[in-house]
């Protein structure tokens, strides 16, 4: 394989976007060529393509809004909020512990049409900083207990963490926990004193080696983490401090996987034996799989994970917590250009010939943007189990598309339900073939955009060369070049209003100049982040978006 290349996307505001990325095209072409054929080899016949939408009946199949990486869902009010947003498939992925979040019985009884799937966010691996979700997996790991604000106010803090697993050399990861402590001081450098009974400190980087007791240890102001080995089923913590000098903003005992990522991938996909029983594994063998969350790293990292198993499905292309398409955690308003790392990484991976579905999520940002819209045969007459299986198969097979939509507001300009729900969708993605079965073109159609809010549409066809064709209509096609068939083809579309920035004209020419990350920031006004960053509608990033965007999964060229 040719060496992997790194490159940087640069925005050129005064030129056509397709022209602006010629360097990107050249780099991606180099990447794309390597995995397909050995050096010097020639294609024996015309290439074949894998179209994830091949079996979709676009006239009769339903669009079901789903989540692959979404926290919350533990209370009736939270569940009702997501239902109000138009979600029909609930697969919450909470952690501490990282375990499936069942629907509460009262909500399930009231909403029998909502489909549920197990899911959880796995983290704290020994060999990577990755987080992953496992759609449809029963895998449950970890532990988590926070002290409330009231419990942190009185000095000394004395607290017992219970229901723990003692450290055992045979399964050491189960008995190792993490104490997280944050001390804040208005001035000076005051200190607190920490004592831990029922556990000893350990070196997680050296096979959890015992580092001795934590007895009257001085803790400076700031954040501090201790890994400890539990000696019994409870750990007692005593923290002494001067409340007039120090406030405790966090004190918790947490636990992640404490294992290598390969072991956890296998446990999520196939399950493993524990105390004579099989735990973990996929609920439906032919549906669901692993998603690689907020992929801030390099191609090499994710390529290795995608190659591990075909049920490692893909990466997050949009994650609202990390400013959408990028890897920065700042707000759009504070950035010179909106980040695009995730989006660029997706095409880098696809250019290597790998299958990689793209996922679109809100993460912690309940009222942000990012959805997966699953395409499925009618579900009404199916049992709950068969509906679950059908939607998880859509994820496995790539029969879904991503939505990054505008935000609904009322007449006063306040954000309101259904927030980022949009009916804008693909009506067709078809690989056209000649009489001999050779792929000759990709046809796409869109529809159901809001005629009052977003009356205008644009369709883009994307390959490893970048944007290859643009259609300012609800339907169009791109003919594959016979001499240089692409490694992959994606289709993007947007529905947009006639104006932005409170009356400034917005037309097809303007849209053609913009990358998706820039389109995502088109707006009429700015809004500020409120104090409840993860808990209410004030958390929305600025600016308030006004364009609906949808992203197909890739049609992939198969190796000759």
Protein backbone atom coordinates (compact mmCIF):
# COMPACT_ATOMS: atom_id res chain seq x y z
CA UNK A 1 0.00 0.00 0.00
CA UNK A 2 1.21 3.49 -0.77
CA UNK A 3 2.03 5.65 2.26
CA UNK A 4 -0.91 7.51 3.76
CA UNK A 5 -0.99 11.20 2.98
CA UNK A 6 -1.98 14.12 5.16
CA UNK A 7 -3.45 17.28 3.76
CA UNK A 8 -5.33 20.32 4.92
CA UNK A 9 -8.59 21.68 3.55
CA UNK A 10 -8.33 25.39 2.86
CA UNK A 11 -11.30 27.62 2.10
CA UNK A 12 -10.95 30.11 -0.77
CA UNK A 13 -13.87 32.52 -0.42
CA UNK A 14 -13.42 34.19 -3.82
CA UNK A 15 -13.35 31.12 -6.05
CA UNK A 16 -15.64 28.21 -6.91
CA UNK A 17 -15.48 25.50 -4.24
CA UNK A 18 -14.73 22.78 -6.82
CA UNK A 19 -11.69 24.73 -8.05
CA UNK A 20 -10.57 25.44 -4.51
CA UNK A 21 -9.94 21.80 -3.70
CA UNK A 22 -7.76 20.68 -6.61
CA UNK A 23 -4.91 19.88 -4.22
CA UNK A 24 -7.30 17.79 -2.19
CA UNK A 25 -8.34 15.91 -5.31
CA UNK A 26 -4.78 15.03 -6.17
CA UNK A 27 -4.07 13.77 -2.67
CA UNK A 28 -7.23 11.68 -2.55
CA UNK A 29 -6.51 10.17 -5.94
CA UNK A 30 -3.16 8.97 -4.65
CA UNK A 31 -4.88 7.43 -1.64
CA UNK A 32 -7.62 5.85 -3.71
CA UNK A 33 -5.30 4.08 -6.11
CA UNK A 34 -3.29 2.23 -3.50
CA UNK A 35 -5.74 -0.34 -2.06
CA UNK A 36 -7.40 -1.30 -5.31
CA UNK A 37 -4.67 -2.80 -7.45
CA UNK A 38 -1.02 -3.77 -6.99
CA UNK A 39 1.54 -1.50 -8.61
CA UNK A 40 1.65 -2.20 -12.33
CA UNK A 41 -1.55 -4.26 -12.39
CA UNK A 42 -4.34 -3.59 -14.89
CA UNK A 43 -8.08 -3.90 -14.46
CA UNK A 44 -9.43 -7.07 -16.04
CA UNK A 45 -12.93 -5.66 -16.52
CA UNK A 46 -15.10 -2.68 -15.71
CA UNK A 47 -15.33 -2.09 -11.96
CA UNK A 48 -18.35 -3.16 -9.94
CA UNK A 49 -20.03 -0.87 -7.41
CA UNK A 50 -21.75 -1.52 -4.10
CA UNK A 51 -24.82 0.68 -3.70
CA UNK A 52 -26.26 0.58 -0.17
CA UNK A 53 -29.62 1.78 -1.55
CA UNK A 54 -29.89 -0.99 -4.15
CA UNK A 55 -32.84 -2.70 -2.46
CA UNK A 56 -34.67 0.40 -1.25
CA UNK A 57 -38.22 0.88 -2.56
CA UNK A 58 -38.24 4.66 -2.52
CA UNK A 59 -42.00 4.88 -3.12
CA UNK A 60 -43.11 2.76 -0.15
CA UNK A 61 -40.28 2.67 2.40
CA UNK A 62 -40.46 4.86 5.49
CA UNK A 63 -38.03 7.44 6.84
CA UNK A 64 -37.40 6.85 10.56
CA UNK A 65 -35.36 9.40 12.49
CA UNK A 66 -32.76 7.72 14.67
CA UNK A 67 -29.82 8.41 16.99
CA UNK A 68 -26.51 6.55 17.04
CA UNK A 69 -24.80 8.71 19.70
CA UNK A 70 -27.16 10.52 22.03
CA UNK A 71 -27.06 11.01 25.78
CA UNK A 72 -30.19 11.54 27.94
CA UNK A 73 -33.34 9.38 27.78
CA UNK A 74 -33.35 8.44 31.47
CA UNK A 75 -36.47 10.41 32.47
CA UNK A 76 -40.00 10.69 31.09
CA UNK A 77 -39.49 14.38 30.27
CA UNK A 78 -36.31 13.62 28.31
CA UNK A 79 -37.97 10.81 26.38
CA UNK A 80 -40.95 13.03 25.58
CA UNK A 81 -38.61 15.76 24.31
CA UNK A 82 -37.01 13.41 21.81
CA UNK A 83 -40.41 12.13 20.74
CA UNK A 84 -41.50 15.75 20.24
CA UNK A 85 -38.44 16.17 18.00
CA UNK A 86 -39.75 13.42 15.75
CA UNK A 87 -37.45 10.55 16.67
CA UNK A 88 -38.93 7.11 16.02
CA UNK A 89 -35.89 5.00 16.91
CA UNK A 90 -34.38 5.44 20.36
CA UNK A 91 -30.86 4.09 20.92
CA UNK A 92 -29.47 6.20 23.74
CA UNK A 93 -25.77 5.76 24.46
CA UNK A 94 -25.09 6.77 28.04
CA UNK A 95 -22.05 5.95 30.16
CA UNK A 96 -20.99 5.62 33.83
CA UNK A 97 -22.02 2.86 33.52
CA UNK A 98 -21.77 2.25 29.77
CA UNK A 99 -24.93 0.20 29.54
CA UNK A 100 -28.10 0.10 27.43
CA UNK A 101 -30.77 2.61 28.50
CA UNK A 102 -34.19 0.89 28.33
CA UNK A 103 -37.33 2.89 27.64
CA UNK A 104 -39.26 3.60 30.80
CA UNK A 105 -42.44 1.44 30.94
CA UNK A 106 -44.81 4.43 31.18
CA UNK A 107 -43.29 6.00 28.07
CA UNK A 108 -43.29 2.72 26.15
CA UNK A 109 -46.94 2.15 26.99
CA UNK A 110 -47.86 5.66 25.80
CA UNK A 111 -45.71 5.40 22.63
CA UNK A 112 -45.95 1.79 21.38
CA UNK A 113 -44.75 2.79 17.91
CA UNK A 114 -41.33 3.97 19.17
CA UNK A 115 -38.63 1.42 18.36
CA UNK A 116 -35.82 0.83 20.85
CA UNK A 117 -32.34 -0.64 20.51
CA UNK A 118 -29.57 -1.26 23.06
CA UNK A 119 -26.53 0.98 22.76
CA UNK A 120 -23.83 2.47 25.01
CA UNK A 121 -20.71 4.60 24.74
CA UNK A 122 -17.55 2.63 25.57
CA UNK A 123 -14.39 4.47 26.63
CA UNK A 124 -11.21 4.41 28.76
CA UNK A 125 -9.25 1.86 26.73
CA UNK A 126 -5.67 0.95 27.54
CA UNK A 127 -4.35 1.57 24.02
CA UNK A 128 -6.42 4.42 22.51
CA UNK A 129 -8.36 7.50 23.51
CA UNK A 130 -11.22 6.49 21.21
CA UNK A 131 -14.85 6.34 22.27
CA UNK A 132 -17.15 3.97 20.41
CA UNK A 133 -20.83 3.12 20.37
CA UNK A 134 -22.24 -0.30 19.60
CA UNK A 135 -25.70 -0.05 18.03
CA UNK A 136 -27.77 -3.08 18.91
CA UNK A 137 -25.20 -4.48 21.37
CA UNK A 138 -26.06 -5.63 24.87
CA UNK A 139 -22.54 -4.88 26.13
CA UNK A 140 -22.53 -3.16 29.54
CA UNK A 141 -19.40 -1.98 31.33
CA UNK A 142 -18.26 0.39 34.03
CA UNK A 143 -19.59 2.21 37.04
CA UNK A 144 -20.41 5.79 37.93
CA UNK A 145 -21.40 7.75 41.03
CA UNK A 146 -21.37 11.56 41.41
CA UNK A 147 -21.65 13.51 44.63
CA UNK A 148 -24.32 16.18 44.40
CA UNK A 149 -23.63 19.87 45.00
CA UNK A 150 -25.19 19.56 48.45
CA UNK A 151 -22.99 16.58 49.32
CA UNK A 152 -19.88 18.53 48.29
CA UNK A 153 -20.53 21.60 50.46
CA UNK A 154 -19.72 20.36 53.95
CA UNK A 155 -16.13 19.80 55.08
CA UNK A 156 -14.89 17.24 55.60
CA UNK A 157 -16.67 15.30 52.87
CA UNK A 158 -17.12 11.71 53.97
CA UNK A 159 -18.66 9.36 51.43
CA UNK A 160 -18.91 5.63 50.79
CA UNK A 161 -19.06 4.28 47.22
CA UNK A 162 -20.78 0.88 47.28
CA UNK A 163 -21.53 -2.11 45.05
CA UNK A 164 -18.00 -2.29 43.69
CA UNK A 165 -16.04 -5.25 42.33
CA UNK A 166 -12.83 -6.12 44.23
CA UNK A 167 -9.59 -6.20 42.26
CA UNK A 168 -8.71 -9.66 40.91
CA UNK A 169 -5.60 -10.49 38.87
CA UNK A 170 -7.72 -12.76 36.64
CA UNK A 171 -10.01 -9.88 35.57
CA UNK A 172 -8.14 -6.77 36.75
CA UNK A 173 -10.12 -4.28 34.66
CA UNK A 174 -13.26 -4.91 36.70
CA UNK A 175 -11.68 -3.85 40.01
CA UNK A 176 -9.96 -0.63 38.88
CA UNK A 177 -11.80 2.69 39.40
CA UNK A 178 -11.08 6.35 38.78
CA UNK A 179 -11.50 9.11 41.36
CA UNK A 180 -12.11 12.50 39.70
CA UNK A 181 -11.72 15.57 41.89
CA UNK A 182 -11.90 19.27 40.97
CA UNK A 183 -11.03 22.03 43.45
CA UNK A 184 -11.68 25.73 42.75
CA UNK A 185 -10.25 28.69 44.67
CA UNK A 186 -10.96 32.39 44.16
CA UNK A 187 -7.40 33.32 45.07
CA UNK A 188 -4.17 31.88 46.34
CA UNK A 189 -3.15 28.20 46.34
CA UNK A 190 -5.08 26.52 49.14
CA UNK A 191 -5.01 22.73 49.44
CA UNK A 192 -7.29 19.88 50.47
CA UNK A 193 -6.40 16.60 52.21
CA UNK A 194 -7.62 13.29 50.73
CA UNK A 195 -7.75 9.87 52.39
CA UNK A 196 -9.06 6.73 50.69
CA UNK A 197 -9.94 3.53 52.55
CA UNK A 198 -10.89 0.30 50.82
CA UNK A 199 -8.59 0.85 47.84
CA UNK A 200 -4.97 1.55 46.96
CA UNK A 201 -3.56 3.72 44.18
CA UNK A 202 -2.48 1.87 41.05
CA UNK A 203 -0.49 2.49 37.87
CA UNK A 204 -2.91 1.88 35.03
CA UNK A 205 -0.11 2.12 32.46
CA UNK A 206 1.84 -0.73 34.06
CA UNK A 207 -0.72 -3.52 34.33
CA UNK A 208 -2.48 -1.82 37.28
CA UNK A 209 0.57 -2.18 39.56
CA UNK A 210 -0.14 -1.33 43.22
CA UNK A 211 1.14 2.17 44.10
CA UNK A 212 0.29 2.07 47.78
CA UNK A 213 -2.33 3.72 49.99
CA UNK A 214 -3.79 7.22 49.64
CA UNK A 215 -3.52 8.55 53.16
CA UNK A 216 -3.75 12.27 54.01
CA UNK A 217 -2.57 13.19 50.54
CA UNK A 218 -2.28 16.91 49.76
CA UNK A 219 -4.42 17.98 46.80
CA UNK A 220 -3.74 21.35 45.12
CA UNK A 221 -6.39 23.48 43.43
CA UNK A 222 -7.36 22.21 39.95
CA UNK A 223 -8.36 18.89 38.44
CA UNK A 224 -6.94 15.63 39.76
CA UNK A 225 -7.51 11.98 38.81
CA UNK A 226 -6.48 8.87 40.78
CA UNK A 227 -6.74 5.28 39.58
CA UNK A 228 -7.34 2.88 42.44
CA UNK A 229 -7.70 -0.87 43.01
CA UNK A 230 -10.73 -1.75 45.12
CA UNK A 231 -9.92 -4.19 47.94
CA UNK A 232 -13.56 -4.85 48.75
CA UNK A 233 -17.07 -3.96 47.63
CA UNK A 234 -16.89 -0.39 49.00
CA UNK A 235 -14.49 2.57 48.98
CA UNK A 236 -14.58 5.28 51.68
CA UNK A 237 -13.34 8.78 50.83
CA UNK A 238 -12.59 11.57 53.26
CA UNK A 239 -11.77 15.03 51.86
CA UNK A 240 -10.92 17.84 54.24
CA UNK A 241 -10.76 21.47 53.09
CA UNK A 242 -11.55 25.04 54.11
CA UNK A 243 -14.94 26.00 52.57
CA UNK A 244 -14.02 29.68 52.82
CA UNK A 245 -11.06 29.11 50.48
CA UNK A 246 -12.08 26.15 48.31
CA UNK A 247 -15.19 24.91 46.57
CA UNK A 248 -15.47 21.32 45.26
CA UNK A 249 -17.03 21.38 41.79
CA UNK A 250 -16.63 17.66 41.17
CA UNK A 251 -16.11 14.51 43.19
CA UNK A 252 -16.98 11.20 41.60
CA UNK A 253 -15.95 7.57 41.29
CA UNK A 254 -16.02 6.33 37.70
CA UNK A 255 -15.00 3.30 35.69
CA UNK A 256 -14.57 2.61 31.98
CA UNK A 257 -13.44 -0.51 30.14
CA UNK A 258 -9.77 -0.55 31.27
CA UNK A 259 -9.08 -2.94 28.39
CA UNK A 260 -7.62 -2.82 24.84
CA UNK A 261 -10.02 -1.69 22.13
CA UNK A 262 -9.83 -4.98 20.19
CA UNK A 263 -11.09 -6.94 23.18
CA UNK A 264 -13.98 -4.53 23.61
CA UNK A 265 -14.89 -4.53 19.92
CA UNK A 266 -15.13 -8.32 20.07
CA UNK A 267 -17.18 -8.23 23.28
CA UNK A 268 -19.58 -5.70 21.73
CA UNK A 269 -20.01 -7.67 18.52
CA UNK A 270 -19.87 -11.32 19.62
CA UNK A 271 -20.14 -11.26 23.38
CA UNK A 272 -17.85 -13.01 25.86
CA UNK A 273 -18.07 -15.53 28.65
CA UNK A 274 -18.44 -14.22 32.19
CA UNK A 275 -19.25 -16.49 35.13
CA UNK A 276 -20.45 -19.20 32.76
CA UNK A 277 -22.75 -16.86 30.83
CA UNK A 278 -22.42 -14.99 27.54
CA UNK A 279 -22.64 -11.23 28.01
CA UNK A 280 -22.58 -8.48 25.41
CA UNK A 281 -22.91 -9.26 21.72
CA UNK A 282 -25.36 -7.99 19.14
CA UNK A 283 -29.08 -8.37 19.78
CA UNK A 284 -29.62 -9.20 16.08
CA UNK A 285 -26.64 -10.81 14.31
CA UNK A 286 -27.47 -9.22 10.94
CA UNK A 287 -28.02 -5.69 12.26
CA UNK A 288 -26.22 -2.88 14.01
CA UNK A 289 -22.52 -2.57 14.74
CA UNK A 290 -19.83 -0.20 15.97
CA UNK A 291 -19.52 3.53 15.30
CA UNK A 292 -16.24 5.42 15.88
CA UNK A 293 -17.08 8.59 17.78
CA UNK A 294 -15.79 12.17 17.31
CA UNK A 295 -12.82 11.03 15.17
CA UNK A 296 -10.28 13.74 15.96
CA UNK A 297 -7.26 11.61 14.99
CA UNK A 298 -5.55 10.44 11.82
CA UNK A 299 -6.71 8.16 9.04
CA UNK A 300 -4.34 5.35 10.09
CA UNK A 301 -6.10 4.96 13.45
CA UNK A 302 -9.56 4.52 11.99
CA UNK A 303 -8.44 2.45 9.01
CA UNK A 304 -7.08 -0.19 11.41
CA UNK A 305 -10.35 -0.26 13.33
CA UNK A 306 -12.52 -0.43 10.20
CA UNK A 307 -10.39 -3.35 8.98
CA UNK A 308 -10.89 -5.21 12.27
CA UNK A 309 -14.39 -6.41 11.40
CA UNK A 310 -16.99 -5.56 8.75
CA UNK A 311 -19.39 -4.77 11.58
CA UNK A 312 -17.28 -1.74 12.49
CA UNK A 313 -19.58 0.48 10.46
CA UNK A 314 -17.97 3.90 10.14
CA UNK A 315 -17.18 7.28 11.69
CA UNK A 316 -19.12 10.29 12.87
CA UNK A 317 -19.07 12.89 10.12
CA UNK A 318 -21.12 15.41 12.10
CA UNK A 319 -21.03 15.67 15.90
CA UNK A 320 -22.67 18.79 17.37
CA UNK A 321 -20.54 18.66 20.53
CA UNK A 322 -17.37 19.12 18.47
CA UNK A 323 -18.72 22.01 16.40
CA UNK A 324 -20.23 19.84 13.73
CA UNK A 325 -17.88 18.64 11.02
CA UNK A 326 -14.74 19.40 12.96
CA UNK A 327 -12.72 18.59 16.02
CA UNK A 328 -12.76 21.90 17.91
CA UNK A 329 -14.98 22.42 20.93
CA UNK A 330 -15.32 26.15 20.50
CA UNK A 331 -18.35 27.96 19.16
CA UNK A 332 -18.68 28.80 15.49
CA UNK A 333 -18.74 32.49 16.29
CA UNK A 334 -15.24 32.29 17.80
CA UNK A 335 -13.70 30.50 14.80
CA UNK A 336 -12.06 32.05 11.78
CA UNK A 337 -13.45 29.18 9.70
CA UNK A 338 -15.78 26.36 10.74
CA UNK A 339 -13.81 23.14 11.24
CA UNK A 340 -14.02 20.33 8.70
CA UNK A 341 -11.79 17.53 9.99
CA UNK A 342 -14.44 14.82 10.30
CA UNK A 343 -15.90 15.54 6.89
CA UNK A 344 -12.47 15.54 5.23
CA UNK A 345 -11.48 12.35 7.05
CA UNK A 346 -14.56 10.56 5.72
CA UNK A 347 -13.49 11.12 2.11
CA UNK A 348 -9.90 10.23 2.93
CA UNK A 349 -11.08 6.87 4.25
CA UNK A 350 -13.43 6.27 1.32
CA UNK A 351 -10.62 7.05 -1.12
CA UNK A 352 -8.69 4.05 0.25
CA UNK A 353 -11.47 1.74 -0.93
CA UNK A 354 -12.84 0.96 2.53
CA UNK A 355 -16.50 0.77 3.34
CA UNK A 356 -17.26 3.51 5.86
CA UNK A 357 -20.75 4.73 6.69
CA UNK A 358 -21.08 8.31 7.91
CA UNK A 359 -23.01 9.10 11.10
CA UNK A 360 -24.64 12.40 12.12
CA UNK A 361 -25.24 12.98 15.83
CA UNK A 362 -25.94 15.53 18.56
CA UNK A 363 -23.95 13.71 21.27
CA UNK A 364 -24.61 15.62 24.50
CA UNK A 365 -26.27 18.55 22.73
CA UNK A 366 -29.89 17.55 23.07
CA UNK A 367 -31.22 20.57 21.18
CA UNK A 368 -28.46 20.74 18.60
CA UNK A 369 -28.38 19.15 15.15
CA UNK A 370 -27.48 15.78 13.66
CA UNK A 371 -29.66 12.78 12.83
CA UNK A 372 -29.52 9.49 10.99
CA UNK A 373 -32.63 8.93 8.87
CA UNK A 374 -33.21 5.19 8.40
CA UNK A 375 -34.92 3.79 5.32
CA UNK A 376 -37.07 0.79 6.10
CA UNK A 377 -40.07 -1.18 4.79
CA UNK A 378 -43.37 -0.32 6.55
CA UNK A 379 -43.17 -1.22 10.24
CA UNK A 380 -46.77 -0.94 11.47
CA UNK A 381 -47.68 -4.62 11.15
CA UNK A 382 -44.40 -5.96 12.56
CA UNK A 383 -43.75 -7.13 16.12
CA UNK A 384 -41.46 -4.95 18.30
CA UNK A 385 -38.62 -7.45 17.82
CA UNK A 386 -38.95 -7.42 14.04
CA UNK A 387 -39.11 -3.62 13.97
CA UNK A 388 -35.92 -3.47 16.05
CA UNK A 389 -34.23 -5.90 13.67
CA UNK A 390 -35.35 -3.97 10.57
CA UNK A 391 -33.92 -0.66 11.77
CA UNK A 392 -30.65 -2.21 12.93
CA UNK A 393 -30.31 -3.84 9.50
CA UNK A 394 -30.67 -0.40 7.94
CA UNK A 395 -27.66 0.72 9.96
CA UNK A 396 -25.67 -2.38 9.04
CA UNK A 397 -26.44 -2.11 5.33
CA UNK A 398 -26.03 1.66 5.01
CA UNK A 399 -29.69 2.21 4.11
CA UNK A 400 -29.82 5.61 5.78
CA UNK A 401 -28.74 9.19 5.25
CA UNK A 402 -27.52 11.98 7.50
CA UNK A 403 -29.46 15.14 8.27
CA UNK A 404 -28.01 18.45 9.50
CA UNK A 405 -31.04 20.70 9.49
CA UNK A 406 -32.15 24.21 10.26
CA UNK A 407 -33.57 25.01 13.70
CA UNK A 408 -37.28 25.78 14.09
CA UNK A 409 -38.24 29.06 15.75
CA UNK A 410 -41.50 30.73 16.73
CA UNK A 411 -42.69 34.21 15.70
CA UNK A 412 -40.54 35.75 18.45
CA UNK A 413 -37.43 34.07 17.11
CA UNK A 414 -37.16 31.62 20.01
CA UNK A 415 -36.10 28.04 19.28
CA UNK A 416 -39.00 25.65 19.55
CA UNK A 417 -40.15 22.11 18.77
CA UNK A 418 -39.40 20.14 16.68
CA UNK A 419 -35.99 21.90 16.78
CA UNK A 420 -33.81 20.24 14.08
CA UNK A 421 -36.41 17.93 12.58
CA UNK A 422 -36.69 18.22 8.80
CA UNK A 423 -38.66 16.23 6.25
CA UNK A 424 -36.15 17.08 3.51
CA UNK A 425 -35.02 13.73 2.14
CA UNK A 426 -33.65 11.76 -0.75
CA UNK A 427 -36.36 10.47 -3.07
CA UNK A 428 -33.97 8.41 -5.18
CA UNK A 429 -30.32 7.37 -5.30
CA UNK A 430 -29.89 4.97 -8.17
CA UNK A 431 -26.88 3.49 -9.90
CA UNK A 432 -27.74 3.39 -13.60
CA UNK A 433 -26.31 0.60 -15.76
CA UNK A 434 -26.10 -0.15 -19.46
CA UNK A 435 -27.44 -3.30 -21.12
CA UNK A 436 -24.31 -5.20 -20.14
CA UNK A 437 -24.71 -4.27 -16.48
CA UNK A 438 -21.87 -1.74 -16.43
CA UNK A 439 -22.37 1.24 -14.11
CA UNK A 440 -22.68 4.39 -16.21
CA UNK A 441 -24.29 7.06 -13.99
CA UNK A 442 -25.69 7.94 -10.58
CA UNK A 443 -29.15 9.45 -10.44
CA UNK A 444 -30.41 11.35 -7.40
CA UNK A 445 -33.65 13.06 -6.48
CA UNK A 446 -34.71 14.99 -3.37
CA UNK A 447 -37.95 16.40 -2.03
CA UNK A 448 -40.24 17.32 0.85
CA UNK A 449 -38.36 20.50 1.66
CA UNK A 450 -40.45 23.20 3.33
CA UNK A 451 -41.77 25.49 0.53
CA UNK A 452 -42.04 28.44 2.90
CA UNK A 453 -38.75 28.14 4.80
CA UNK A 454 -36.42 26.37 2.34
CA UNK A 455 -37.89 26.51 -1.21
CA UNK A 456 -34.58 26.15 -3.09
CA UNK A 457 -32.51 22.98 -3.50
CA UNK A 458 -29.08 21.98 -4.72
CA UNK A 459 -27.67 18.47 -5.31
CA UNK A 460 -23.94 17.71 -5.35
CA UNK A 461 -22.15 14.57 -6.49
CA UNK A 462 -18.90 13.91 -4.59
CA UNK A 463 -16.00 11.55 -5.42
CA UNK A 464 -12.34 11.36 -4.41
CA UNK A 465 -11.82 14.27 -6.81
CA UNK A 466 -14.16 16.46 -4.77
CA UNK A 467 -17.33 17.95 -6.22
CA UNK A 468 -17.76 16.51 -9.71
CA UNK A 469 -21.23 17.78 -10.60
CA UNK A 470 -23.81 20.22 -9.21
CA UNK A 471 -27.52 20.38 -10.06
CA UNK A 472 -29.78 23.21 -8.93
CA UNK A 473 -32.93 21.13 -9.21
CA UNK A 474 -34.81 18.40 -7.38
CA UNK A 475 -33.40 15.70 -9.65
CA UNK A 476 -30.20 15.14 -11.60
CA UNK A 477 -27.58 12.63 -12.61
CA UNK A 478 -23.84 12.40 -12.97
CA UNK A 479 -22.27 10.23 -15.65
CA UNK A 480 -19.30 8.16 -14.56
CA UNK A 481 -16.18 8.87 -16.62
CA UNK A 482 -15.49 5.60 -18.52
CA UNK A 483 -11.73 6.07 -18.54
CA UNK A 484 -11.33 6.80 -14.83
CA UNK A 485 -14.20 5.35 -12.77
CA UNK A 486 -14.25 6.84 -9.28
CA UNK A 487 -13.46 4.96 -6.08
CA UNK A 488 -16.68 6.18 -4.47
CA UNK A 489 -19.65 8.44 -5.13
CA UNK A 490 -21.57 10.32 -2.46
CA UNK A 491 -24.57 12.59 -2.90
CA UNK A 492 -25.21 15.71 -0.85
CA UNK A 493 -28.14 18.09 -1.06
CA UNK A 494 -29.31 21.23 0.68
CA UNK A 495 -32.58 23.12 0.87
CA UNK A 496 -32.18 26.81 1.56
CA UNK A 497 -34.17 30.07 1.84
CA UNK A 498 -34.04 33.07 -0.50
CA UNK A 499 -32.20 35.26 2.03
CA UNK A 500 -29.81 35.12 4.96
CA UNK A 501 -28.32 37.68 7.38
CA UNK A 502 -31.72 39.34 7.74
CA UNK A 503 -32.53 39.95 4.09
CA UNK A 504 -29.28 39.48 2.17
CA UNK A 505 -29.89 37.53 -1.04
CA UNK A 506 -29.06 33.81 -0.98
CA UNK A 507 -28.99 32.08 -4.36
CA UNK A 508 -27.55 29.09 -6.18
CA UNK A 509 -24.37 30.94 -7.08
CA UNK A 510 -23.68 31.78 -3.45
CA UNK A 511 -24.37 28.21 -2.31
CA UNK A 512 -22.02 26.79 -4.96
CA UNK A 513 -19.14 28.75 -3.44
CA UNK A 514 -19.55 27.18 0.00
CA UNK A 515 -18.34 23.97 1.60
CA UNK A 516 -20.85 22.03 3.79
CA UNK A 517 -19.28 23.39 6.99
CA UNK A 518 -19.86 26.92 5.70
CA UNK A 519 -23.41 26.15 4.59
CA UNK A 520 -24.07 24.87 8.11
CA UNK A 521 -23.37 28.34 9.51
CA UNK A 522 -25.71 30.31 7.24
CA UNK A 523 -28.04 32.22 9.52
CA UNK A 524 -30.25 35.22 10.17
CA UNK A 525 -29.14 35.88 13.73
CA UNK A 526 -26.77 34.82 16.50
CA UNK A 527 -27.80 33.24 19.79
CA UNK A 528 -25.78 32.90 22.94
CA UNK A 529 -25.02 29.80 24.95
CA UNK A 530 -26.97 29.71 28.18
CA UNK A 531 -25.90 28.35 31.57
CA UNK A 532 -27.50 24.92 31.03
CA UNK A 533 -25.08 23.77 28.36
CA UNK A 534 -26.29 20.15 28.18
CA UNK A 535 -29.80 20.57 29.48
CA UNK A 536 -31.92 23.07 27.58
CA UNK A 537 -32.45 24.86 24.31
CA UNK A 538 -30.03 27.64 25.26
CA UNK A 539 -27.20 25.22 24.55
CA UNK A 540 -27.49 25.69 20.77
CA UNK A 541 -24.31 26.82 19.07
CA UNK A 542 -24.21 30.17 17.32
CA UNK A 543 -25.26 31.09 14.71
CA UNK A 544 -28.85 29.84 14.45
CA UNK A 545 -28.89 27.70 11.25
CA UNK A 546 -31.43 28.19 8.44
CA UNK A 547 -30.40 25.54 5.85
CA UNK A 548 -31.31 21.83 5.69
CA UNK A 549 -28.52 19.51 4.51
CA UNK A 550 -28.66 15.77 3.80
CA UNK A 551 -25.79 13.36 3.09
CA UNK A 552 -26.03 9.96 1.42
CA UNK A 553 -23.92 6.95 2.27
CA UNK A 554 -21.23 6.17 -0.34
CA UNK A 555 -21.62 4.04 -3.41
CA UNK A 556 -18.34 2.13 -3.25
CA UNK A 557 -16.21 0.75 -6.04
CA UNK A 558 -15.36 -2.88 -5.40
CA UNK A 559 -11.83 -4.12 -5.99
CA UNK A 560 -11.32 -5.79 -9.38
